[in-house]
Amino acid sequence: MPIRRIVLDVLMSHDPGIVTYAERLSDLEGTDGVTVDVVEEDEQTKTVEVTFEGDNLSLDAIKAVIQELGGAVHSVDLVSAGDRIVEPQVARAEEE
């Protein structure tokens, strides 16, 4: 089954910036769109959440580009696979 959405926690340096990351990652085959969201920033690095959507995403190809850009994948936080994307449900503890 094809992977349609991936959300990654990524540590990156300030250079290259998030625009370069988004542009390079969005060029990957099977990728329809990429969002790079800064979660935390210090003097040397940024922690970003990177969300991918597409018809057939390749985690290996994504990781390779992130490494080429000097970043590191901390974790894979969400994966959607199959014929369609199923939106995650909010945990009941968070609703209360």
Protein backbone atom coordinates (compact mmCIF):
# COMPACT_ATOMS: atom_id res chain seq x y z
CA MET A 1 0.00 0.00 0.00
CA PRO A 2 1.29 3.48 -0.78
CA ILE A 3 2.34 5.87 1.99
CA ARG A 4 0.28 9.07 1.65
CA ARG A 5 1.28 11.17 4.69
CA ILE A 6 4.38 11.26 6.88
CA VAL A 7 5.10 13.61 9.80
CA LEU A 8 8.72 13.81 10.97
CA ASP A 9 10.49 15.51 13.86
CA VAL A 10 13.72 16.89 12.37
CA LEU A 11 16.74 18.66 13.85
CA MET A 12 18.35 21.08 11.39
CA SER A 13 20.90 23.87 11.40
CA HIS A 14 19.89 27.44 10.56
CA ASP A 15 21.60 27.17 7.17
CA PRO A 16 20.09 26.05 4.89
CA GLY A 17 16.78 27.48 6.03
CA ILE A 18 13.30 26.02 6.06
CA VAL A 19 12.47 27.41 2.60
CA THR A 20 15.33 25.40 1.09
CA TYR A 21 14.21 22.30 2.99
CA ALA A 22 10.63 22.70 1.76
CA GLU A 23 11.71 23.29 -1.85
CA ARG A 24 14.12 20.33 -1.97
CA LEU A 25 11.76 17.93 -0.21
CA SER A 26 8.78 18.92 -2.35
CA ASP A 27 10.77 17.92 -5.47
CA LEU A 28 10.81 14.26 -4.38
CA GLU A 29 8.92 11.85 -6.62
CA GLY A 30 5.47 10.98 -5.25
CA THR A 31 5.33 14.13 -3.10
CA ASP A 32 2.40 16.51 -3.64
CA GLY A 33 3.21 18.93 -0.82
CA VAL A 34 5.48 19.61 2.16
CA THR A 35 5.04 21.83 5.22
CA VAL A 36 8.01 22.71 7.45
CA ASP A 37 6.93 24.14 10.82
CA VAL A 38 9.49 25.48 13.35
CA VAL A 39 8.78 23.99 16.79
CA GLU A 40 11.86 25.16 18.70
CA GLU A 41 14.91 27.27 17.93
CA ASP A 42 18.22 27.99 19.62
CA GLU A 43 21.47 29.64 18.51
CA GLN A 44 22.77 26.61 16.59
CA THR A 45 19.75 24.54 15.51
CA LYS A 46 16.02 24.36 14.88
CA THR A 47 13.63 21.56 15.64
CA VAL A 48 11.00 21.37 12.92
CA GLU A 49 7.95 19.27 12.18
CA VAL A 50 7.91 18.27 8.52
CA THR A 51 4.63 17.03 7.04
CA PHE A 52 4.52 15.31 3.64
CA GLU A 53 1.53 14.37 1.54
CA GLY A 54 1.57 12.53 -1.76
CA ASP A 55 0.56 9.49 -3.75
CA ASN A 56 3.53 7.29 -2.88
CA LEU A 57 6.01 8.76 -0.40
CA SER A 58 9.41 7.16 0.19
CA LEU A 59 10.72 7.50 3.74
CA ASP A 60 14.19 6.44 2.59
CA ALA A 61 14.30 9.16 -0.09
CA ILE A 62 13.02 11.76 2.38
CA LYS A 63 15.67 10.81 4.97
CA ALA A 64 18.41 10.96 2.30
CA VAL A 65 17.53 14.56 1.34
CA ILE A 66 17.32 15.65 4.98
CA GLN A 67 20.78 14.15 5.61
CA GLU A 68 22.15 15.84 2.45
CA LEU A 69 20.94 19.15 3.87
CA GLY A 70 22.70 18.46 7.19
CA GLY A 71 19.59 17.55 9.17
CA ALA A 72 18.70 14.52 11.27
CA VAL A 73 15.36 12.75 11.65
CA HIS A 74 14.60 12.43 15.38
CA SER A 75 11.38 10.50 14.97
CA VAL A 76 8.61 9.44 12.63
CA ASP A 77 5.54 10.84 14.38
CA LEU A 78 2.74 9.86 11.99
CA VAL A 79 2.29 7.68 8.91
CA SER A 80 -0.84 7.30 6.78
CA ALA A 81 -0.98 4.52 4.21
CA GLY A 82 -3.59 2.98 1.98
CA ASP A 83 -6.12 4.18 -0.56
CA ARG A 84 -6.95 7.32 1.43
CA ILE A 85 -5.73 9.39 4.38
CA VAL A 86 -7.56 8.77 7.66
CA GLU A 87 -7.35 11.80 9.94
CA PRO A 88 -6.06 11.00 13.45
CA GLN A 89 -8.54 11.22 16.32
CA VAL A 90 -7.81 13.46 19.32
CA ALA A 91 -7.04 11.42 22.42
CA ARG A 92 -9.89 11.49 24.96
CA ALA A 93 -7.55 12.64 27.73
CA GLU A 94 -6.74 15.77 25.71
CA GLU A 95 -10.44 16.57 25.21
CA GLU A 96 -11.20 16.68 28.95
